[in-house]
C-alpha cells in the first residue's frame, strides 16, 4: 500500500511538470517569433532626393534607389513600411535603431560611418557646380548687346569727344574758312563734328580742312590724339559687346572662393565647402538654392552633380552644370551598425547592379543628366 501511494505521488508530480511546460511553451514561441526581425515589417526611412527618390501626387515613392530597395526586399522576402524623413532624421534614426533601413541619395562618409553602417555602394557620383548659362547665339542677343548700358555709355562718350574737337576747330576756322566752317554756331559745330569724325576714322574725304595756323595746330593734335582714342574706344566697344555674352565668373571649383555660393546644409557638398574654407549661403533644399542663382541672389550652386542635372532638366531655364565633376562620392543604403541582414542585402544588391535591368533603370531615371 505504501509503494502504491508513492507511485501515484510520483506520477502526479510528473503530470504537473508536463502541464507547466506545455502551458509555458506557447508564449515563449510567440515571443521568439515577435523578436525575429525577418517576421516583423521593417521601418524604412526615406529621404526625397530626385531622381533617386521621388514622391508622386498619390504619395507613392519612386526613383532609382526605391527600385533597388524593392528588388532587394522581394528577393529576401522583407515586409516593410516607408517613413518619409529629412537627412538628419534618417541618419540619427537609423543610428538609434528607430529605423531599420535608410534610403535616398546618401553619401558614404567617415563621420556617418562612425554612427551607422552602409551597404556596398550602388552608384558613384561627384559634386558639380550650377551657374547661369551663356546667352545663346542669334540676332536678338546681338541686338540686345548693342542696346546694353555699357555699349551706349561708350558711344555717348565718343560722341562727346567728337563734339569737343569739332567745336574747337570751328572756333579757329569760322572767320578764316567760312565756306567750310559756317559762322552760324549750329551748322558750324556740325561741320566741325563731321571733320573730327572723318579725321579720327582716317577716311579723309578732304571736303573740309583747316586753313588757319591755329586750326591746323588743333588738327595736328587731334590726329595724334585720334590714334590713341580710336584704339581705346575700340577695346571698350568690344568689351561692351562681349561682357553680356559671358555666362559667369565661375569656370571651375577654383573660382568659388570669390563668388556667392549656395548649397544645402548637412549635405556632402556642405561638408566639402567647409573643408575647403569656402563660405556659402544655406538653403533648405536644392530647389531653393537653384532659384537663388536663377534670381541673381547667388552666383553658383555646389551640390551632387546628378541631382543638379536632374533638377535643371525639370525646369530651371537659364542655368547649366559645368563639365567639371570633383570630390567623388558613393551612394549606399543606410543600415544600423552590425545589422543582421546586411550580408543578405549586399548579396541581392550586388547581383542587381550587375544586371541589364539595373542599367536600364539608371538610364530611365538619370538619362542625359549623367
Protein backbone atom coordinates (compact mmCIF):
# COMPACT_ATOMS: atom_id res chain seq x y z
CA UNK A 1 0.00 0.00 0.00
CA UNK A 2 2.84 2.35 0.83
CA UNK A 3 4.57 1.60 -2.52
CA UNK A 4 1.33 2.28 -4.43
CA UNK A 5 0.94 5.61 -2.74
CA UNK A 6 4.48 6.60 -3.66
CA UNK A 7 3.96 5.60 -7.31
CA UNK A 8 0.76 7.67 -7.52
CA UNK A 9 2.51 10.65 -5.96
CA UNK A 10 5.40 10.42 -8.44
CA UNK A 11 3.00 10.13 -11.38
CA UNK A 12 1.09 13.19 -10.19
CA UNK A 13 4.33 15.21 -9.97
CA UNK A 14 5.42 14.19 -13.48
CA UNK A 15 1.98 15.09 -14.87
CA UNK A 16 2.06 18.50 -13.13
CA UNK A 17 5.54 19.26 -14.51
CA UNK A 18 4.47 18.38 -18.06
CA UNK A 19 1.41 20.60 -17.73
CA UNK A 20 3.54 23.58 -16.65
CA UNK A 21 5.99 23.06 -19.52
CA UNK A 22 3.16 22.76 -22.05
CA UNK A 23 1.45 25.89 -20.78
CA UNK A 24 4.65 27.97 -20.95
CA UNK A 25 5.73 26.74 -24.40
CA UNK A 26 3.20 28.82 -26.38
CA UNK A 27 4.11 32.34 -25.10
CA UNK A 28 7.83 31.62 -25.40
CA UNK A 29 7.43 30.64 -29.05
CA UNK A 30 5.27 33.66 -29.75
CA UNK A 31 7.84 35.92 -28.08
CA UNK A 32 10.63 34.45 -30.16
CA UNK A 33 8.66 34.97 -33.36
CA UNK A 34 7.95 38.60 -32.49
CA UNK A 35 11.64 39.17 -31.76
CA UNK A 36 12.64 37.79 -35.18
CA UNK A 37 13.44 40.80 -37.37
CA UNK A 38 12.55 38.87 -40.54
CA UNK A 39 8.99 38.33 -39.31
CA UNK A 40 8.24 41.95 -38.36
CA UNK A 41 7.86 44.68 -41.03
CA UNK A 42 10.98 46.80 -41.44
CA UNK A 43 10.70 50.54 -40.84
CA UNK A 44 12.36 52.16 -43.86
CA UNK A 45 13.31 55.86 -43.57
CA UNK A 46 13.05 57.62 -46.93
CA UNK A 47 14.53 60.98 -47.88
CA UNK A 48 13.19 62.52 -51.11
CA UNK A 49 16.19 63.15 -53.40
CA UNK A 50 15.09 63.24 -57.07
CA UNK A 51 15.75 61.25 -59.19
CA UNK A 52 16.95 58.66 -56.65
CA UNK A 53 13.83 59.07 -54.52
CA UNK A 54 10.72 60.95 -55.68
CA UNK A 55 7.18 61.21 -54.36
CA UNK A 56 4.21 61.42 -56.73
CA UNK A 57 0.86 63.12 -56.22
CA UNK A 58 -0.61 59.95 -54.71
CA UNK A 59 2.12 59.85 -52.08
CA UNK A 60 3.88 56.87 -53.66
CA UNK A 61 7.67 56.74 -53.53
CA UNK A 62 9.53 56.09 -56.77
CA UNK A 63 13.04 56.51 -58.07
CA UNK A 64 16.28 54.66 -58.67
CA UNK A 65 17.01 53.88 -55.01
CA UNK A 66 13.40 52.82 -54.43
CA UNK A 67 13.54 50.33 -57.31
CA UNK A 68 16.81 48.96 -55.95
CA UNK A 69 15.41 48.51 -52.44
CA UNK A 70 12.14 46.95 -53.61
CA UNK A 71 14.09 44.43 -55.67
CA UNK A 72 16.22 43.57 -52.60
CA UNK A 73 13.10 43.28 -50.43
CA UNK A 74 11.43 40.97 -52.95
CA UNK A 75 14.48 38.71 -53.23
CA UNK A 76 14.87 38.43 -49.44
CA UNK A 77 11.18 38.34 -48.58
CA UNK A 78 11.12 41.53 -46.50
CA UNK A 79 7.94 43.23 -45.41
CA UNK A 80 8.44 46.96 -44.83
CA UNK A 81 6.82 50.35 -44.26
CA UNK A 82 8.12 53.64 -45.66
CA UNK A 83 8.62 56.67 -43.37
CA UNK A 84 9.43 59.99 -45.05
CA UNK A 85 12.12 61.94 -43.14
CA UNK A 86 14.84 64.53 -43.64
CA UNK A 87 18.51 63.69 -43.98
CA UNK A 88 19.40 64.36 -40.33
CA UNK A 89 16.43 62.37 -39.09
CA UNK A 90 17.34 59.49 -41.39
CA UNK A 91 20.93 59.26 -40.14
CA UNK A 92 20.10 59.71 -36.46
CA UNK A 93 17.00 57.48 -36.67
CA UNK A 94 18.92 54.56 -38.15
CA UNK A 95 21.77 55.13 -35.67
CA UNK A 96 19.29 54.90 -32.76
CA UNK A 97 17.54 51.86 -34.31
CA UNK A 98 14.31 53.81 -34.77
CA UNK A 99 14.51 52.74 -38.43
CA UNK A 100 15.84 49.53 -39.90
CA UNK A 101 16.88 50.94 -43.29
CA UNK A 102 17.56 54.39 -44.77
CA UNK A 103 17.03 55.22 -48.46
CA UNK A 104 17.94 58.25 -50.56
CA UNK A 105 20.99 59.71 -52.29
CA UNK A 106 23.05 59.26 -49.13
CA UNK A 107 26.82 59.66 -49.49
CA UNK A 108 29.23 57.41 -47.63
CA UNK A 109 31.41 59.50 -45.30
CA UNK A 110 33.71 58.68 -42.40
CA UNK A 111 31.64 60.73 -39.94
CA UNK A 112 28.46 58.88 -40.84
CA UNK A 113 30.23 55.53 -40.78
CA UNK A 114 31.05 56.12 -37.12
CA UNK A 115 27.32 56.16 -36.31
CA UNK A 116 25.77 53.81 -38.88
CA UNK A 117 26.64 51.12 -41.39
CA UNK A 118 26.35 51.28 -45.17
CA UNK A 119 25.74 48.62 -47.74
CA UNK A 120 28.13 48.29 -50.66
CA UNK A 121 27.90 51.38 -52.94
CA UNK A 122 25.33 51.20 -55.71
CA UNK A 123 26.18 54.45 -57.54
CA UNK A 124 29.31 56.58 -57.89
CA UNK A 125 28.82 60.33 -58.26
CA UNK A 126 30.62 63.59 -57.51
CA UNK A 127 29.95 67.24 -56.83
CA UNK A 128 29.03 69.68 -59.57
CA UNK A 129 28.53 73.43 -59.97
CA UNK A 130 25.40 75.03 -61.45
CA UNK A 131 25.81 78.55 -62.87
CA UNK A 132 23.90 80.93 -65.17
CA UNK A 133 24.05 79.75 -68.77
CA UNK A 134 25.75 81.65 -71.57
CA UNK A 135 23.48 83.73 -73.74
CA UNK A 136 22.50 81.89 -76.87
CA UNK A 137 23.57 82.80 -80.39
CA UNK A 138 21.28 84.62 -82.81
CA UNK A 139 20.23 88.08 -83.93
CA UNK A 140 18.23 89.01 -80.81
CA UNK A 141 21.07 88.53 -78.28
CA UNK A 142 23.33 90.55 -80.61
CA UNK A 143 20.81 93.39 -80.79
CA UNK A 144 20.45 93.35 -77.02
CA UNK A 145 24.19 93.73 -76.59
CA UNK A 146 24.14 96.81 -78.88
CA UNK A 147 21.38 98.24 -76.68
CA UNK A 148 23.20 97.46 -73.44
CA UNK A 149 24.05 100.20 -70.96
CA UNK A 150 27.80 99.58 -71.36
CA UNK A 151 27.70 99.99 -75.14
CA UNK A 152 25.52 103.11 -75.00
CA UNK A 153 27.86 104.68 -72.41
CA UNK A 154 30.88 104.14 -74.67
CA UNK A 155 29.12 105.62 -77.69
CA UNK A 156 27.92 108.71 -75.80
CA UNK A 157 31.45 109.35 -74.53
CA UNK A 158 32.82 109.07 -78.07
CA UNK A 159 30.22 111.50 -79.41
CA UNK A 160 31.07 113.94 -76.63
CA UNK A 161 34.78 113.90 -77.52
CA UNK A 162 33.98 114.40 -81.20
CA UNK A 163 31.79 117.38 -80.36
CA UNK A 164 34.57 118.99 -78.30
CA UNK A 165 37.10 118.54 -81.15
CA UNK A 166 34.58 119.86 -83.69
CA UNK A 167 33.78 122.89 -81.54
CA UNK A 168 37.47 123.78 -81.12
CA UNK A 169 38.21 123.58 -84.85
CA UNK A 170 35.08 125.64 -85.60
CA UNK A 171 36.22 128.36 -83.20
CA UNK A 172 39.58 128.52 -85.00
CA UNK A 173 38.18 128.39 -88.56
CA UNK A 174 34.84 130.23 -88.50
CA UNK A 175 36.39 133.55 -89.64
CA UNK A 176 39.25 132.23 -91.79
CA UNK A 177 37.29 129.48 -93.57
CA UNK A 178 33.57 130.46 -93.57
CA UNK A 179 32.77 128.37 -96.65
CA UNK A 180 33.62 125.10 -94.99
CA UNK A 181 33.00 126.00 -91.33
CA UNK A 182 29.92 128.28 -91.28
CA UNK A 183 29.70 131.25 -88.98
CA UNK A 184 26.36 130.02 -87.63
CA UNK A 185 27.10 128.12 -84.46
CA UNK A 186 24.85 125.09 -85.03
CA UNK A 187 25.85 124.46 -88.65
CA UNK A 188 29.48 125.34 -87.93
CA UNK A 189 29.81 122.96 -84.97
CA UNK A 190 28.09 120.30 -87.09
CA UNK A 191 30.71 120.81 -89.81
CA UNK A 192 33.43 120.60 -87.16
CA UNK A 193 31.93 117.36 -85.79
CA UNK A 194 31.95 115.90 -89.30
CA UNK A 195 35.60 116.88 -89.82
CA UNK A 196 36.60 115.38 -86.42
CA UNK A 197 34.84 112.09 -87.19
CA UNK A 198 36.37 111.82 -90.68
CA UNK A 199 39.83 112.59 -89.31
CA UNK A 200 39.53 110.09 -86.42
CA UNK A 201 38.47 107.24 -88.71
CA UNK A 202 41.19 108.18 -91.26
CA UNK A 203 38.60 108.24 -94.03
CA UNK A 204 39.94 111.57 -95.26
CA UNK A 205 37.30 112.84 -97.68
CA UNK A 206 39.10 116.20 -97.96
CA UNK A 207 35.86 118.18 -98.24
CA UNK A 208 36.80 120.15 -95.12
CA UNK A 209 40.24 121.12 -93.91
CA UNK A 210 41.51 123.88 -91.62
CA UNK A 211 43.38 126.85 -93.18
CA UNK A 212 44.38 128.98 -90.20
CA UNK A 213 47.53 128.31 -88.20
CA UNK A 214 45.53 127.68 -85.03
CA UNK A 215 43.13 125.40 -86.90
CA UNK A 216 46.00 123.37 -88.35
CA UNK A 217 47.63 123.10 -84.91
CA UNK A 218 44.34 121.78 -83.48
CA UNK A 219 44.09 119.38 -86.41
CA UNK A 220 47.63 118.09 -85.83
CA UNK A 221 46.98 117.48 -82.15
CA UNK A 222 43.65 115.82 -82.98
CA UNK A 223 45.28 113.45 -85.50
CA UNK A 224 47.74 112.09 -82.95
CA UNK A 225 45.09 112.04 -80.21
CA UNK A 226 42.72 110.14 -82.50
CA UNK A 227 45.14 107.25 -82.80
CA UNK A 228 45.05 106.75 -79.02
CA UNK A 229 41.33 107.42 -78.69
CA UNK A 230 40.24 105.08 -81.50
CA UNK A 231 42.35 102.23 -80.04
CA UNK A 232 40.92 102.73 -76.54
CA UNK A 233 37.35 103.05 -77.73
CA UNK A 234 37.64 100.01 -79.99
CA UNK A 235 38.65 97.95 -76.97
CA UNK A 236 35.86 99.48 -74.87
CA UNK A 237 33.22 98.81 -77.52
CA UNK A 238 34.43 95.23 -77.94
CA UNK A 239 34.25 94.73 -74.18
CA UNK A 240 30.77 96.24 -74.02
CA UNK A 241 29.54 93.92 -76.78
CA UNK A 242 31.01 90.78 -75.23
CA UNK A 243 30.51 91.35 -71.48
CA UNK A 244 26.88 90.21 -71.59
CA UNK A 245 27.84 87.12 -73.54
CA UNK A 246 29.93 85.79 -70.66
CA UNK A 247 27.82 83.40 -68.61
CA UNK A 248 29.52 83.53 -65.26
CA UNK A 249 32.68 84.33 -63.37
CA UNK A 250 32.80 80.68 -62.28
CA UNK A 251 34.61 78.39 -64.68
CA UNK A 252 35.80 75.77 -62.16
CA UNK A 253 35.82 74.97 -58.45
CA UNK A 254 38.88 77.22 -58.04
CA UNK A 255 36.67 80.28 -58.71
CA UNK A 256 34.26 79.53 -55.86
CA UNK A 257 36.27 81.46 -53.27
CA UNK A 258 35.43 84.79 -54.94
CA UNK A 259 31.69 84.38 -55.65
CA UNK A 260 28.42 83.89 -53.78
CA UNK A 261 27.97 80.14 -53.36
CA UNK A 262 24.69 78.43 -52.43
CA UNK A 263 24.31 74.92 -51.01
CA UNK A 264 22.26 72.77 -48.63
CA UNK A 265 23.48 72.36 -45.02
CA UNK A 266 24.45 68.93 -43.64
CA UNK A 267 24.98 67.62 -47.18
CA UNK A 268 28.19 66.23 -48.63
CA UNK A 269 28.59 69.45 -50.63
CA UNK A 270 28.39 71.48 -47.39
CA UNK A 271 31.00 69.19 -45.83
CA UNK A 272 33.32 69.76 -48.83
CA UNK A 273 32.82 73.56 -48.76
CA UNK A 274 33.58 73.66 -45.04
CA UNK A 275 36.70 71.57 -45.56
CA UNK A 276 37.90 73.94 -48.30
CA UNK A 277 37.06 77.01 -46.16
CA UNK A 278 34.63 78.34 -48.75
CA UNK A 279 31.73 80.33 -47.33
CA UNK A 280 28.25 79.64 -48.67
CA UNK A 281 24.62 80.67 -48.32
CA UNK A 282 22.44 77.97 -46.73
CA UNK A 283 19.14 77.00 -48.35
CA UNK A 284 16.59 74.49 -47.14
CA UNK A 285 16.78 72.33 -50.26
CA UNK A 286 18.33 72.16 -53.70
CA UNK A 287 15.43 73.83 -55.48
CA UNK A 288 15.68 76.89 -53.24
CA UNK A 289 19.42 77.13 -53.89
CA UNK A 290 18.94 76.91 -57.67
CA UNK A 291 16.19 79.52 -57.51
CA UNK A 292 18.61 81.87 -55.73
CA UNK A 293 21.06 81.63 -58.64
CA UNK A 294 18.27 82.00 -61.20
CA UNK A 295 17.12 85.20 -59.48
CA UNK A 296 20.64 86.61 -59.10
CA UNK A 297 20.87 86.23 -55.30
CA UNK A 298 23.78 83.78 -55.67
CA UNK A 299 26.39 83.06 -58.36
CA UNK A 300 26.73 79.27 -58.15
CA UNK A 301 25.24 76.17 -56.52
CA UNK A 302 27.52 73.37 -55.33
CA UNK A 303 25.75 70.02 -54.91
CA UNK A 304 25.70 66.41 -56.13
CA UNK A 305 26.17 66.54 -59.90
CA UNK A 306 23.43 64.03 -60.92
CA UNK A 307 20.88 65.77 -58.68
CA UNK A 308 21.83 69.17 -60.12
CA UNK A 309 21.47 67.96 -63.71
CA UNK A 310 18.13 66.30 -62.97
CA UNK A 311 16.69 69.48 -61.43
CA UNK A 312 17.87 71.58 -64.38
CA UNK A 313 16.16 69.17 -66.76
CA UNK A 314 12.94 69.64 -64.82
CA UNK A 315 12.54 73.36 -65.34
CA UNK A 316 15.39 75.63 -64.26
CA UNK A 317 15.88 77.51 -67.51
CA UNK A 318 18.95 79.67 -67.94
CA UNK A 319 21.22 77.51 -65.76
CA UNK A 320 23.84 74.93 -66.70
CA UNK A 321 26.09 72.49 -64.83
CA UNK A 322 29.80 72.98 -65.52
CA UNK A 323 31.54 69.97 -67.13
CA UNK A 324 33.91 69.54 -64.18
CA UNK A 325 32.94 66.95 -61.56
CA UNK A 326 35.00 66.79 -58.39
CA UNK A 327 35.04 65.29 -54.87
CA UNK A 328 33.95 61.73 -55.86
CA UNK A 329 31.39 60.14 -53.58
CA UNK A 330 29.49 56.84 -53.30
CA UNK A 331 25.78 56.39 -52.66
CA UNK A 332 24.74 53.46 -50.47
CA UNK A 333 21.78 52.19 -48.45
CA UNK A 334 21.91 53.07 -44.75
CA UNK A 335 21.73 50.31 -42.10
CA UNK A 336 22.16 50.21 -38.32
CA UNK A 337 25.56 49.18 -37.04
CA UNK A 338 26.08 45.41 -37.03
CA UNK A 339 22.74 44.88 -38.78
CA UNK A 340 21.96 41.15 -39.03
CA UNK A 341 20.53 41.47 -42.55
CA UNK A 342 23.48 43.41 -44.00
CA UNK A 343 25.04 40.44 -45.79
CA UNK A 344 21.85 39.32 -47.49
CA UNK A 345 21.07 42.90 -48.52
CA UNK A 346 24.57 43.22 -50.02
CA UNK A 347 24.20 39.94 -51.86
CA UNK A 348 20.95 40.96 -53.53
CA UNK A 349 22.33 44.45 -54.25
CA UNK A 350 25.47 43.14 -55.97
CA UNK A 351 23.51 40.78 -58.20
CA UNK A 352 21.06 43.53 -59.20
CA UNK A 353 23.55 46.31 -60.01
CA UNK A 354 25.36 43.95 -62.39
CA UNK A 355 22.19 43.21 -64.35
CA UNK A 356 20.82 44.71 -67.55
CA UNK A 357 17.68 45.61 -65.61
CA UNK A 358 19.70 47.96 -63.37
CA UNK A 359 21.42 49.60 -66.35
CA UNK A 360 18.02 50.21 -67.90
CA UNK A 361 16.76 51.75 -64.64
CA UNK A 362 19.78 54.07 -64.42
CA UNK A 363 19.21 55.23 -67.99
CA UNK A 364 15.49 55.72 -67.38
CA UNK A 365 15.87 57.84 -64.25
CA UNK A 366 19.07 59.72 -64.99
CA UNK A 367 19.06 59.78 -68.78
CA UNK A 368 21.10 62.67 -70.19
CA UNK A 369 21.59 64.05 -66.68
CA UNK A 370 24.60 61.76 -66.33
